[in-house]
Structure formats: C-alpha cells, structure tokens
Amino acid sequence: MNVFDEPLLISLLKRNSQPAFRKLYDHYADHLFAFCMQYTHSRETSEELVEDTFVWLWRNRQSIRQDTTLKSILFTRTRHYIINAYRKTINAPVFEDYIDYLGQFEDRSFNHLEYDEFQKAANKAIDRLPETQRKVIRMSRIEMMRIKEIAQTLDLKEQTVKNQLSLATKTLRRTLRQLYIIFIYFSFIKVLFHFSIV
C-alpha cells in the first residue's frame, strides 16, 4: 500500500533520501502551484516559485523538525517568494498585508478576482501620476532600470529622478492604502455573509 507517512518521509529526507524528497514534491507541488497561480496568473512564474520552494526545502532539510507540519512550512515559504516576485514589479507594501489577510482563510476562491480589481486600480493610480513621475516609476519598478539609466533616458539629473521617484512612491502608497482598506471592508462583508449562510 502506498501510504503517505509524512513524519517518516521527513526523517528520510533529513538523511538525504532523494526518493523521500520526490514523494514530498509529488504530494505538495500541485497545491503550491495552484496557490501561486491565484496571485501571479502566470504558469511560468508559478512553476519557478514552486521550484524555488523545493530547492529551499532540500537545502534546509537538516533543520526541518520531524514533528512539524510541512504543509505550513512550504506554504509560508512560497508566500515569501510570491511577495518577493511582486516587489520586483511594483512598490506596493500593501500587497504583503493583502496576502497576510487572505492567508487567514482556507477558502481563497475569490482571492484572485479581488486582487485583479486591486491591481487594475493600482495601474490606474500610476496612470494618474504626473508624466515624469509616471515614467520614472514604470522604468524603476517595472522595467527595473537604475537611477543613472533613467536619468540618461529622460535627460534628467539623477537627483531629479530620485525626487520624482520618491514623490510617485508616496502618492501610490497613500492611494493603494486607501484602496486596500476598501477591499478589506468588502472582503470582511463577504466573510460575514459566508458564515451567516453556513
């Protein structure tokens, strides 16, 4: 009988068993991939994040306690990689709070729809920035250009680029924080409604 005995598999993993690692991978990979897809909507990115999670597991196998719940560890690590992925594309610390909030609930069926709307609103907020701020924030946070490169491209002084980036970031954080509060409110209403009909 092919029984999934996690404590035994963790014990074998700590002894460098690759078959045990493969069995853990086969058991959790699809669940982690689905979790990533809710936020990234990209198969390629989600696959990379799952692979990163299991690379981390193998490298840290000796420190995993045998009586631990591996599911919690893997999902926490994957969540960390998701946040890092978003940090590379948009300077929105609120996104971390957003995932923290949604992570409290087992039923995440509405998460990707909510974040789609949240992301659309964030893009609109960027579009409403003054032209120079808009260009600077997109070059810095989306195209991952350095201050010097942005300055050369826009024919601006580096200090001017830094100032414009700072202004744009403050405006976006203020706007996104307001959006976040609105989304939390409506999500809370959904949760209350869910429990009222159960």
N, C-alpha and C. Protein backbone atom coordinates (compact mmCIF):
# COMPACT_ATOMS: atom_id res chain seq x y z
N MET A 1 0.84 -1.20 0.00
CA MET A 1 0.00 0.00 0.00
C MET A 1 0.88 1.26 0.00
N ASN A 2 0.54 2.20 -0.84
CA ASN A 2 1.32 3.42 -0.98
C ASN A 2 0.77 4.48 -0.03
N VAL A 3 1.25 4.47 1.22
CA VAL A 3 0.75 5.37 2.26
C VAL A 3 1.68 6.58 2.38
N PHE A 4 1.07 7.77 2.49
CA PHE A 4 1.86 8.99 2.66
C PHE A 4 2.10 9.20 4.15
N ASP A 5 3.27 8.82 4.61
CA ASP A 5 3.65 8.94 6.02
C ASP A 5 4.64 10.11 6.13
N GLU A 6 4.10 11.30 6.42
CA GLU A 6 4.95 12.50 6.39
C GLU A 6 6.08 12.48 7.41
N PRO A 7 5.83 12.12 8.69
CA PRO A 7 6.95 12.07 9.65
C PRO A 7 8.08 11.16 9.19
N LEU A 8 7.71 10.01 8.62
CA LEU A 8 8.73 9.08 8.11
C LEU A 8 9.49 9.70 6.94
N LEU A 9 8.75 10.35 6.05
CA LEU A 9 9.39 10.97 4.89
C LEU A 9 10.33 12.10 5.30
N ILE A 10 9.93 12.87 6.32
CA ILE A 10 10.81 13.93 6.81
C ILE A 10 12.08 13.34 7.41
N SER A 11 11.90 12.24 8.15
CA SER A 11 13.05 11.56 8.74
C SER A 11 14.01 11.08 7.65
N LEU A 12 13.45 10.51 6.59
CA LEU A 12 14.28 10.04 5.48
C LEU A 12 14.92 11.21 4.73
N LEU A 13 14.16 12.28 4.60
CA LEU A 13 14.68 13.48 3.93
C LEU A 13 15.89 14.02 4.67
N LYS A 14 15.83 14.04 5.99
CA LYS A 14 16.94 14.53 6.80
C LYS A 14 18.17 13.65 6.64
N ARG A 15 17.95 12.41 6.16
CA ARG A 15 19.07 11.50 5.89
C ARG A 15 19.43 11.50 4.41
N ASN A 16 19.02 12.58 3.73
CA ASN A 16 19.39 12.82 2.33
C ASN A 16 18.74 11.87 1.34
N SER A 17 17.55 11.39 1.67
CA SER A 17 16.84 10.47 0.77
C SER A 17 16.17 11.25 -0.36
N GLN A 18 16.64 11.04 -1.58
CA GLN A 18 16.02 11.69 -2.73
C GLN A 18 14.64 11.11 -3.06
N PRO A 19 14.41 9.79 -2.89
CA PRO A 19 13.05 9.27 -3.09
C PRO A 19 12.04 9.91 -2.14
N ALA A 20 12.44 10.15 -0.90
CA ALA A 20 11.53 10.80 0.06
C ALA A 20 11.25 12.23 -0.38
N PHE A 21 12.28 12.91 -0.85
CA PHE A 21 12.10 14.28 -1.35
C PHE A 21 11.14 14.28 -2.54
N ARG A 22 11.30 13.33 -3.45
CA ARG A 22 10.43 13.24 -4.62
C ARG A 22 8.98 12.99 -4.21
N LYS A 23 8.78 12.15 -3.19
CA LYS A 23 7.42 11.86 -2.75
C LYS A 23 6.78 13.11 -2.13
N LEU A 24 7.54 13.86 -1.36
CA LEU A 24 7.03 15.10 -0.79
C LEU A 24 6.72 16.11 -1.90
N TYR A 25 7.59 16.15 -2.89
CA TYR A 25 7.36 17.05 -4.03
C TYR A 25 6.07 16.68 -4.75
N ASP A 26 5.90 15.40 -5.04
CA ASP A 26 4.70 14.95 -5.75
C ASP A 26 3.43 15.23 -4.95
N HIS A 27 3.55 15.19 -3.63
CA HIS A 27 2.38 15.39 -2.77
C HIS A 27 1.97 16.86 -2.69
N TYR A 28 2.94 17.77 -2.65
CA TYR A 28 2.64 19.18 -2.39
C TYR A 28 2.76 20.11 -3.60
N ALA A 29 3.47 19.72 -4.63
CA ALA A 29 3.79 20.65 -5.73
C ALA A 29 2.54 21.23 -6.39
N ASP A 30 1.55 20.39 -6.68
CA ASP A 30 0.35 20.88 -7.36
C ASP A 30 -0.41 21.88 -6.50
N HIS A 31 -0.46 21.63 -5.19
CA HIS A 31 -1.16 22.55 -4.28
C HIS A 31 -0.45 23.90 -4.22
N LEU A 32 0.87 23.86 -4.17
CA LEU A 32 1.64 25.11 -4.14
C LEU A 32 1.52 25.86 -5.46
N PHE A 33 1.49 25.11 -6.56
CA PHE A 33 1.34 25.73 -7.88
C PHE A 33 0.00 26.46 -7.98
N ALA A 34 -1.07 25.82 -7.52
CA ALA A 34 -2.39 26.44 -7.54
C ALA A 34 -2.42 27.70 -6.67
N PHE A 35 -1.74 27.63 -5.53
CA PHE A 35 -1.65 28.78 -4.64
C PHE A 35 -0.95 29.95 -5.34
N CYS A 36 0.14 29.67 -6.02
CA CYS A 36 0.88 30.71 -6.74
C CYS A 36 0.05 31.30 -7.87
N MET A 37 -0.67 30.46 -8.59
CA MET A 37 -1.44 30.92 -9.74
C MET A 37 -2.52 31.92 -9.34
N GLN A 38 -3.02 31.81 -8.11
CA GLN A 38 -4.04 32.74 -7.64
C GLN A 38 -3.52 34.17 -7.61
N TYR A 39 -2.21 34.33 -7.45
CA TYR A 39 -1.62 35.66 -7.33
C TYR A 39 -0.83 36.08 -8.57
N THR A 40 -0.17 35.14 -9.23
CA THR A 40 0.69 35.51 -10.36
C THR A 40 -0.02 35.42 -11.70
N HIS A 41 -0.99 34.51 -11.82
CA HIS A 41 -1.68 34.25 -13.09
C HIS A 41 -0.69 33.92 -14.21
N SER A 42 0.44 33.38 -13.85
CA SER A 42 1.47 33.02 -14.82
C SER A 42 1.97 31.62 -14.51
N ARG A 43 1.81 30.70 -15.47
CA ARG A 43 2.28 29.33 -15.25
C ARG A 43 3.80 29.31 -15.05
N GLU A 44 4.49 30.07 -15.88
CA GLU A 44 5.95 30.07 -15.81
C GLU A 44 6.44 30.59 -14.46
N THR A 45 5.88 31.72 -14.02
CA THR A 45 6.28 32.28 -12.73
C THR A 45 5.92 31.35 -11.59
N SER A 46 4.73 30.77 -11.64
CA SER A 46 4.28 29.86 -10.58
C SER A 46 5.17 28.64 -10.50
N GLU A 47 5.53 28.09 -11.65
CA GLU A 47 6.42 26.92 -11.66
C GLU A 47 7.78 27.27 -11.05
N GLU A 48 8.29 28.46 -11.37
CA GLU A 48 9.57 28.89 -10.81
C GLU A 48 9.50 29.05 -9.30
N LEU A 49 8.39 29.61 -8.81
CA LEU A 49 8.24 29.81 -7.37
C LEU A 49 8.15 28.48 -6.63
N VAL A 50 7.44 27.52 -7.22
CA VAL A 50 7.34 26.19 -6.61
C VAL A 50 8.72 25.53 -6.58
N GLU A 51 9.45 25.64 -7.68
CA GLU A 51 10.80 25.06 -7.73
C GLU A 51 11.69 25.71 -6.68
N ASP A 52 11.59 27.03 -6.54
CA ASP A 52 12.38 27.74 -5.52
C ASP A 52 12.07 27.22 -4.12
N THR A 53 10.78 26.95 -3.89
CA THR A 53 10.37 26.45 -2.57
C THR A 53 11.00 25.10 -2.27
N PHE A 54 11.01 24.22 -3.26
CA PHE A 54 11.55 22.89 -3.02
C PHE A 54 13.09 22.88 -3.01
N VAL A 55 13.69 23.80 -3.73
CA VAL A 55 15.15 23.96 -3.61
C VAL A 55 15.49 24.38 -2.18
N TRP A 56 14.68 25.31 -1.66
CA TRP A 56 14.88 25.75 -0.27
C TRP A 56 14.71 24.57 0.69
N LEU A 57 13.68 23.74 0.45
CA LEU A 57 13.43 22.59 1.32
C LEU A 57 14.64 21.65 1.34
N TRP A 58 15.18 21.36 0.17
CA TRP A 58 16.31 20.43 0.11
C TRP A 58 17.54 21.01 0.81
N ARG A 59 17.78 22.29 0.60
CA ARG A 59 18.95 22.92 1.21
C ARG A 59 18.83 23.01 2.73
N ASN A 60 17.59 23.08 3.22
CA ASN A 60 17.37 23.24 4.67
C ASN A 60 16.80 21.98 5.30
N ARG A 61 16.94 20.85 4.63
CA ARG A 61 16.32 19.60 5.10
C ARG A 61 16.78 19.20 6.50
N GLN A 62 18.04 19.51 6.84
CA GLN A 62 18.56 19.08 8.14
C GLN A 62 17.91 19.84 9.30
N SER A 63 17.37 21.03 9.01
CA SER A 63 16.79 21.85 10.08
C SER A 63 15.29 21.63 10.25
N ILE A 64 14.68 20.80 9.39
CA ILE A 64 13.24 20.53 9.49
C ILE A 64 12.98 19.56 10.64
N ARG A 65 12.12 19.95 11.54
CA ARG A 65 11.78 19.08 12.67
C ARG A 65 10.85 17.97 12.20
N GLN A 66 11.06 16.78 12.72
CA GLN A 66 10.28 15.62 12.28
C GLN A 66 8.81 15.72 12.70
N ASP A 67 8.53 16.45 13.78
CA ASP A 67 7.16 16.57 14.27
C ASP A 67 6.46 17.81 13.71
N THR A 68 7.07 18.46 12.73
CA THR A 68 6.50 19.68 12.18
C THR A 68 5.44 19.38 11.13
N THR A 69 4.64 20.39 10.80
CA THR A 69 3.67 20.28 9.72
C THR A 69 4.29 20.89 8.48
N LEU A 70 4.70 20.04 7.57
CA LEU A 70 5.43 20.51 6.40
C LEU A 70 4.57 21.40 5.51
N LYS A 71 3.27 21.15 5.48
CA LYS A 71 2.37 21.96 4.66
C LYS A 71 2.48 23.43 5.04
N SER A 72 2.46 23.72 6.33
CA SER A 72 2.54 25.10 6.80
C SER A 72 3.88 25.73 6.41
N ILE A 73 4.95 24.98 6.55
CA ILE A 73 6.28 25.49 6.22
C ILE A 73 6.39 25.81 4.73
N LEU A 74 5.90 24.91 3.89
CA LEU A 74 6.01 25.09 2.44
C LEU A 74 5.16 26.25 1.95
N PHE A 75 3.94 26.37 2.49
CA PHE A 75 3.08 27.47 2.05
C PHE A 75 3.62 28.82 2.54
N THR A 76 4.19 28.85 3.73
CA THR A 76 4.79 30.08 4.24
C THR A 76 5.98 30.50 3.38
N ARG A 77 6.80 29.53 3.01
CA ARG A 77 7.96 29.82 2.17
C ARG A 77 7.52 30.28 0.79
N THR A 78 6.50 29.63 0.23
CA THR A 78 6.00 30.02 -1.09
C THR A 78 5.42 31.42 -1.06
N ARG A 79 4.68 31.73 0.00
CA ARG A 79 4.12 33.08 0.17
C ARG A 79 5.25 34.11 0.17
N HIS A 80 6.35 33.79 0.82
CA HIS A 80 7.51 34.68 0.87
C HIS A 80 8.04 34.94 -0.54
N TYR A 81 8.11 33.90 -1.35
CA TYR A 81 8.61 34.06 -2.73
C TYR A 81 7.62 34.84 -3.59
N ILE A 82 6.33 34.67 -3.35
CA ILE A 82 5.32 35.44 -4.10
C ILE A 82 5.50 36.93 -3.81
N ILE A 83 5.65 37.27 -2.55
CA ILE A 83 5.84 38.67 -2.16
C ILE A 83 7.09 39.24 -2.81
N ASN A 84 8.17 38.48 -2.81
CA ASN A 84 9.41 38.95 -3.43
C ASN A 84 9.22 39.17 -4.93
N ALA A 85 8.43 38.31 -5.57
CA ALA A 85 8.18 38.45 -7.00
C ALA A 85 7.44 39.74 -7.29
N TYR A 86 6.48 40.09 -6.43
CA TYR A 86 5.73 41.32 -6.64
C TYR A 86 6.55 42.56 -6.31
N ARG A 87 7.47 42.43 -5.38
CA ARG A 87 8.33 43.56 -5.06
C ARG A 87 9.15 44.00 -6.28
N LYS A 88 9.41 43.06 -7.17
CA LYS A 88 10.21 43.36 -8.35
C LYS A 88 9.42 44.13 -9.40
N THR A 89 8.10 44.10 -9.30
CA THR A 89 7.29 44.73 -10.35
C THR A 89 6.54 45.97 -9.88
N ILE A 90 6.25 46.07 -8.59
CA ILE A 90 5.52 47.25 -8.12
C ILE A 90 5.87 47.50 -6.67
N ASN A 91 6.11 48.74 -6.33
CA ASN A 91 6.48 49.11 -4.97
C ASN A 91 5.21 49.30 -4.16
N ALA A 92 4.60 48.19 -3.74
CA ALA A 92 3.34 48.26 -3.02
C ALA A 92 3.42 47.41 -1.76
N PRO A 93 3.92 47.95 -0.64
CA PRO A 93 4.00 47.19 0.60
C PRO A 93 2.63 46.68 1.04
N VAL A 94 1.57 47.35 0.61
CA VAL A 94 0.22 46.93 0.97
C VAL A 94 -0.06 45.52 0.48
N PHE A 95 0.58 45.11 -0.62
CA PHE A 95 0.35 43.77 -1.15
C PHE A 95 0.71 42.70 -0.13
N GLU A 96 1.74 42.95 0.68
CA GLU A 96 2.12 41.99 1.71
C GLU A 96 0.98 41.84 2.73
N ASP A 97 0.37 42.96 3.13
CA ASP A 97 -0.76 42.90 4.05
C ASP A 97 -1.93 42.18 3.40
N TYR A 98 -2.09 42.40 2.10
CA TYR A 98 -3.20 41.78 1.37
C TYR A 98 -3.08 40.26 1.42
N ILE A 99 -1.89 39.72 1.16
CA ILE A 99 -1.68 38.28 1.22
C ILE A 99 -1.80 37.78 2.66
N ASP A 100 -1.26 38.55 3.62
CA ASP A 100 -1.39 38.16 5.03
C ASP A 100 -2.85 38.00 5.41
N TYR A 101 -3.67 38.96 4.98
CA TYR A 101 -5.09 38.93 5.30
C TYR A 101 -5.76 37.72 4.67
N LEU A 102 -5.55 37.54 3.37
CA LEU A 102 -6.20 36.43 2.67
C LEU A 102 -5.69 35.08 3.15
N GLY A 103 -4.44 35.05 3.62
CA GLY A 103 -3.87 33.80 4.08
C GLY A 103 -4.53 33.26 5.33
N GLN A 104 -5.37 34.06 5.98
CA GLN A 104 -6.06 33.61 7.19
C GLN A 104 -7.21 32.66 6.87
N PHE A 105 -7.61 32.61 5.60
CA PHE A 105 -8.80 31.85 5.23
C PHE A 105 -8.44 30.68 4.34
N GLU A 106 -9.07 29.54 4.62
CA GLU A 106 -8.84 28.36 3.81
C GLU A 106 -9.49 28.49 2.45
N ASP A 107 -10.67 29.13 2.39
CA ASP A 107 -11.38 29.29 1.13
C ASP A 107 -10.88 30.55 0.44
N ARG A 108 -10.02 30.36 -0.56
CA ARG A 108 -9.46 31.50 -1.27
C ARG A 108 -10.05 31.62 -2.66
N SER A 109 -11.25 31.15 -2.90
CA SER A 109 -11.83 31.11 -4.23
C SER A 109 -12.01 32.49 -4.83
N PHE A 110 -12.19 33.51 -3.98
CA PHE A 110 -12.42 34.84 -4.52
C PHE A 110 -11.16 35.70 -4.56
N ASN A 111 -10.04 35.18 -4.06
CA ASN A 111 -8.83 36.00 -3.93
C ASN A 111 -8.34 36.58 -5.24
N HIS A 112 -8.20 35.73 -6.27
CA HIS A 112 -7.60 36.22 -7.50
C HIS A 112 -8.49 37.25 -8.17
N LEU A 113 -9.81 37.14 -8.00
CA LEU A 113 -10.73 38.12 -8.57
C LEU A 113 -10.57 39.46 -7.86
N GLU A 114 -10.46 39.42 -6.53
CA GLU A 114 -10.28 40.64 -5.77
C GLU A 114 -8.96 41.31 -6.13
N TYR A 115 -7.89 40.52 -6.19
CA TYR A 115 -6.61 41.14 -6.47
C TYR A 115 -6.53 41.65 -7.90
N ASP A 116 -7.22 41.00 -8.84
CA ASP A 116 -7.30 41.53 -10.20
C ASP A 116 -7.82 42.96 -10.18
N GLU A 117 -8.92 43.17 -9.42
CA GLU A 117 -9.51 44.51 -9.33
C GLU A 117 -8.55 45.47 -8.63
N PHE A 118 -7.92 44.96 -7.58
CA PHE A 118 -6.95 45.78 -6.84
C PHE A 118 -5.80 46.20 -7.75
N GLN A 119 -5.31 45.27 -8.57
CA GLN A 119 -4.19 45.56 -9.47
C GLN A 119 -4.60 46.56 -10.56
N LYS A 120 -5.82 46.41 -11.07
CA LYS A 120 -6.32 47.35 -12.07
C LYS A 120 -6.37 48.77 -11.49
N ALA A 121 -6.85 48.85 -10.25
CA ALA A 121 -6.94 50.16 -9.59
C ALA A 121 -5.54 50.74 -9.38
N ALA A 122 -4.58 49.88 -9.04
CA ALA A 122 -3.21 50.34 -8.85
C ALA A 122 -2.62 50.87 -10.15
N ASN A 123 -2.89 50.17 -11.25
CA ASN A 123 -2.40 50.64 -12.56
C ASN A 123 -3.02 51.98 -12.93
N LYS A 124 -4.30 52.15 -12.59
CA LYS A 124 -4.96 53.44 -12.86
C LYS A 124 -4.32 54.55 -12.03
N ALA A 125 -3.94 54.19 -10.80
CA ALA A 125 -3.29 55.18 -9.93
C ALA A 125 -1.95 55.62 -10.53
N ILE A 126 -1.24 54.68 -11.11
CA ILE A 126 0.03 55.01 -11.78
C ILE A 126 -0.23 55.91 -12.98
N ASP A 127 -1.28 55.59 -13.74
CA ASP A 127 -1.61 56.38 -14.94
C ASP A 127 -1.99 57.82 -14.59
N ARG A 128 -2.48 58.04 -13.37
CA ARG A 128 -2.90 59.39 -12.96
C ARG A 128 -1.75 60.24 -12.43
N LEU A 129 -0.59 59.64 -12.28
CA LEU A 129 0.57 60.40 -11.81
C LEU A 129 1.00 61.43 -12.87
N PRO A 130 1.64 62.51 -12.45
CA PRO A 130 2.22 63.44 -13.43
C PRO A 130 3.16 62.68 -14.37
N GLU A 131 3.31 63.18 -15.57
CA GLU A 131 4.01 62.44 -16.62
C GLU A 131 5.40 61.96 -16.21
N THR A 132 6.20 62.86 -15.63
CA THR A 132 7.56 62.47 -15.26
C THR A 132 7.56 61.41 -14.18
N GLN A 133 6.71 61.58 -13.17
CA GLN A 133 6.62 60.58 -12.10
C GLN A 133 6.18 59.23 -12.67
N ARG A 134 5.22 59.28 -13.57
CA ARG A 134 4.71 58.04 -14.18
C ARG A 134 5.83 57.31 -14.94
N LYS A 135 6.58 58.04 -15.71
CA LYS A 135 7.68 57.42 -16.47
C LYS A 135 8.74 56.85 -15.54
N VAL A 136 9.08 57.63 -14.52
CA VAL A 136 10.13 57.21 -13.59
C VAL A 136 9.72 55.95 -12.83
N ILE A 137 8.49 55.92 -12.33
CA ILE A 137 8.05 54.76 -11.53
C ILE A 137 7.97 53.51 -12.39
N ARG A 138 7.54 53.64 -13.63
CA ARG A 138 7.46 52.48 -14.51
C ARG A 138 8.86 51.97 -14.88
N MET A 139 9.76 52.88 -15.17
CA MET A 139 11.13 52.48 -15.51
C MET A 139 11.83 51.81 -14.33
N SER A 140 11.58 52.35 -13.13
CA SER A 140 12.24 51.83 -11.93
C SER A 140 11.65 50.52 -11.45
N ARG A 141 10.31 50.46 -11.33
CA ARG A 141 9.67 49.31 -10.69
C ARG A 141 9.26 48.21 -11.66
N ILE A 142 9.00 48.57 -12.90
CA ILE A 142 8.54 47.56 -13.86
C ILE A 142 9.67 47.14 -14.80
N GLU A 143 10.39 48.14 -15.33
CA GLU A 143 11.49 47.82 -16.24
C GLU A 143 12.80 47.57 -15.49
N MET A 144 12.79 47.81 -14.17
CA MET A 144 13.93 47.54 -13.30
C MET A 144 15.20 48.29 -13.74
N MET A 145 15.02 49.53 -14.19
CA MET A 145 16.15 50.35 -14.61
C MET A 145 16.76 51.06 -13.40
N ARG A 146 18.06 51.30 -13.45
CA ARG A 146 18.75 52.01 -12.39
C ARG A 146 18.52 53.51 -12.52
N ILE A 147 18.77 54.22 -11.41
CA ILE A 147 18.58 55.67 -11.40
C ILE A 147 19.39 56.33 -12.51
N LYS A 148 20.63 55.91 -12.66
CA LYS A 148 21.50 56.50 -13.68
C LYS A 148 20.94 56.28 -15.08
N GLU A 149 20.43 55.06 -15.33
CA GLU A 149 19.87 54.74 -16.65
C GLU A 149 18.62 55.57 -16.93
N ILE A 150 17.79 55.74 -15.91
CA ILE A 150 16.56 56.54 -16.07
C ILE A 150 16.92 57.99 -16.38
N ALA A 151 17.90 58.50 -15.64
CA ALA A 151 18.33 59.89 -15.83
C ALA A 151 18.83 60.11 -17.25
N GLN A 152 19.60 59.16 -17.76
CA GLN A 152 20.13 59.28 -19.12
C GLN A 152 19.01 59.19 -20.15
N THR A 153 18.07 58.28 -19.93
CA THR A 153 16.97 58.08 -20.88
C THR A 153 16.07 59.30 -20.95
N LEU A 154 15.77 59.90 -19.79
CA LEU A 154 14.84 61.04 -19.74
C LEU A 154 15.56 62.39 -19.79
N ASP A 155 16.89 62.33 -19.86
CA ASP A 155 17.69 63.56 -19.89
C ASP A 155 17.42 64.42 -18.65
N LEU A 156 17.50 63.75 -17.49
CA LEU A 156 17.28 64.43 -16.21
C LEU A 156 18.50 64.21 -15.32
N LYS A 157 18.63 65.05 -14.30
CA LYS A 157 19.66 64.82 -13.30
C LYS A 157 19.25 63.64 -12.43
N GLU A 158 20.25 62.92 -11.92
CA GLU A 158 19.95 61.75 -11.09
C GLU A 158 19.16 62.15 -9.84
N GLN A 159 19.49 63.29 -9.25
CA GLN A 159 18.76 63.73 -8.06
C GLN A 159 17.30 64.03 -8.40
N THR A 160 17.07 64.56 -9.60
CA THR A 160 15.69 64.83 -10.03
C THR A 160 14.92 63.53 -10.15
N VAL A 161 15.56 62.51 -10.70
CA VAL A 161 14.93 61.19 -10.82
C VAL A 161 14.59 60.65 -9.43
N LYS A 162 15.52 60.77 -8.49
CA LYS A 162 15.28 60.30 -7.13
C LYS A 162 14.11 61.03 -6.49
N ASN A 163 14.05 62.34 -6.69
CA ASN A 163 12.96 63.13 -6.12
C ASN A 163 11.61 62.73 -6.72
N GLN A 164 11.58 62.56 -8.04
CA GLN A 164 10.34 62.18 -8.72
C GLN A 164 9.89 60.78 -8.30
N LEU A 165 10.86 59.89 -8.13
CA LEU A 165 10.54 58.53 -7.70
C LEU A 165 9.98 58.53 -6.29
N SER A 166 10.56 59.35 -5.43
CA SER A 166 10.08 59.46 -4.05
C SER A 166 8.65 60.00 -4.00
N LEU A 167 8.38 61.04 -4.78
CA LEU A 167 7.03 61.62 -4.83
C LEU A 167 6.01 60.61 -5.35
N ALA A 168 6.39 59.91 -6.42
CA ALA A 168 5.48 58.92 -7.01
C ALA A 168 5.19 57.79 -6.04
N THR A 169 6.23 57.34 -5.34
CA THR A 169 6.08 56.25 -4.38
C THR A 169 5.15 56.64 -3.24
N LYS A 170 5.33 57.85 -2.70
CA LYS A 170 4.48 58.32 -1.61
C LYS A 170 3.02 58.42 -2.05
N THR A 171 2.80 58.94 -3.26
CA THR A 171 1.43 59.06 -3.77
C THR A 171 0.79 57.70 -3.95
N LEU A 172 1.54 56.76 -4.52
CA LEU A 172 0.99 55.42 -4.76
C LEU A 172 0.70 54.70 -3.45
N ARG A 173 1.60 54.82 -2.49
CA ARG A 173 1.38 54.16 -1.20
C ARG A 173 0.12 54.70 -0.53
N ARG A 174 -0.06 56.01 -0.60
CA ARG A 174 -1.25 56.62 0.01
C ARG A 174 -2.51 56.14 -0.70
N THR A 175 -2.49 56.14 -2.03
CA THR A 175 -3.65 55.71 -2.81
C THR A 175 -3.94 54.23 -2.60
N LEU A 176 -2.90 53.41 -2.65
CA LEU A 176 -3.09 51.97 -2.51
C LEU A 176 -3.55 51.60 -1.10
N ARG A 177 -3.09 52.35 -0.12
CA ARG A 177 -3.53 52.09 1.26
C ARG A 177 -5.04 52.33 1.38
N GLN A 178 -5.52 53.37 0.74
CA GLN A 178 -6.96 53.65 0.75
C GLN A 178 -7.73 52.55 0.02
N LEU A 179 -7.19 52.10 -1.11
CA LEU A 179 -7.83 51.01 -1.86
C LEU A 179 -7.85 49.74 -1.03
N TYR A 180 -6.74 49.49 -0.34
CA TYR A 180 -6.62 48.29 0.48
C TYR A 180 -7.70 48.26 1.56
N ILE A 181 -7.92 49.40 2.22
CA ILE A 181 -8.94 49.48 3.27
C ILE A 181 -10.32 49.16 2.70
N ILE A 182 -10.60 49.68 1.50
CA ILE A 182 -11.89 49.41 0.86
C ILE A 182 -12.04 47.92 0.56
N PHE A 183 -10.98 47.30 0.03
CA PHE A 183 -11.04 45.87 -0.29
C PHE A 183 -11.20 45.03 0.96
N ILE A 184 -10.50 45.41 2.03
CA ILE A 184 -10.64 44.68 3.29
C ILE A 184 -12.08 44.74 3.78
N TYR A 185 -12.70 45.92 3.66
CA TYR A 185 -14.08 46.09 4.11
C TYR A 185 -15.01 45.15 3.36
N PHE A 186 -14.93 45.16 2.04
CA PHE A 186 -15.83 44.33 1.26
C PHE A 186 -15.52 42.84 1.43
N SER A 187 -14.24 42.50 1.62
CA SER A 187 -13.90 41.11 1.88
C SER A 187 -14.47 40.66 3.21
N PHE A 188 -14.43 41.55 4.21
CA PHE A 188 -14.98 41.24 5.53
C PHE A 188 -16.47 40.99 5.43
N ILE A 189 -17.17 41.81 4.63
CA ILE A 189 -18.60 41.62 4.42
C ILE A 189 -18.87 40.26 3.80
N LYS A 190 -18.02 39.86 2.84
CA LYS A 190 -18.18 38.55 2.20
C LYS A 190 -18.02 37.42 3.21
N VAL A 191 -17.02 37.57 4.08
CA VAL A 191 -16.78 36.54 5.09
C VAL A 191 -17.97 36.43 6.04
N LEU A 192 -18.50 37.58 6.48
CA LEU A 192 -19.67 37.57 7.36
C LEU A 192 -20.85 36.90 6.67
N PHE A 193 -21.05 37.21 5.40
CA PHE A 193 -22.15 36.63 4.65
C PHE A 193 -21.97 35.12 4.52
N HIS A 194 -20.71 34.70 4.29
CA HIS A 194 -20.42 33.27 4.15
C HIS A 194 -20.82 32.52 5.42
N PHE A 195 -20.42 33.05 6.58
CA PHE A 195 -20.71 32.35 7.83
C PHE A 195 -22.19 32.44 8.21
N SER A 196 -22.88 33.46 7.72
CA SER A 196 -24.29 33.61 8.06
C SER A 196 -25.17 32.58 7.35
N ILE A 197 -24.64 32.00 6.23
CA ILE A 197 -25.46 31.04 5.48
C ILE A 197 -24.99 29.61 5.67
N VAL A 198 -23.88 29.43 6.42
CA VAL A 198 -23.38 28.07 6.66
C VAL A 198 -24.23 27.37 7.71
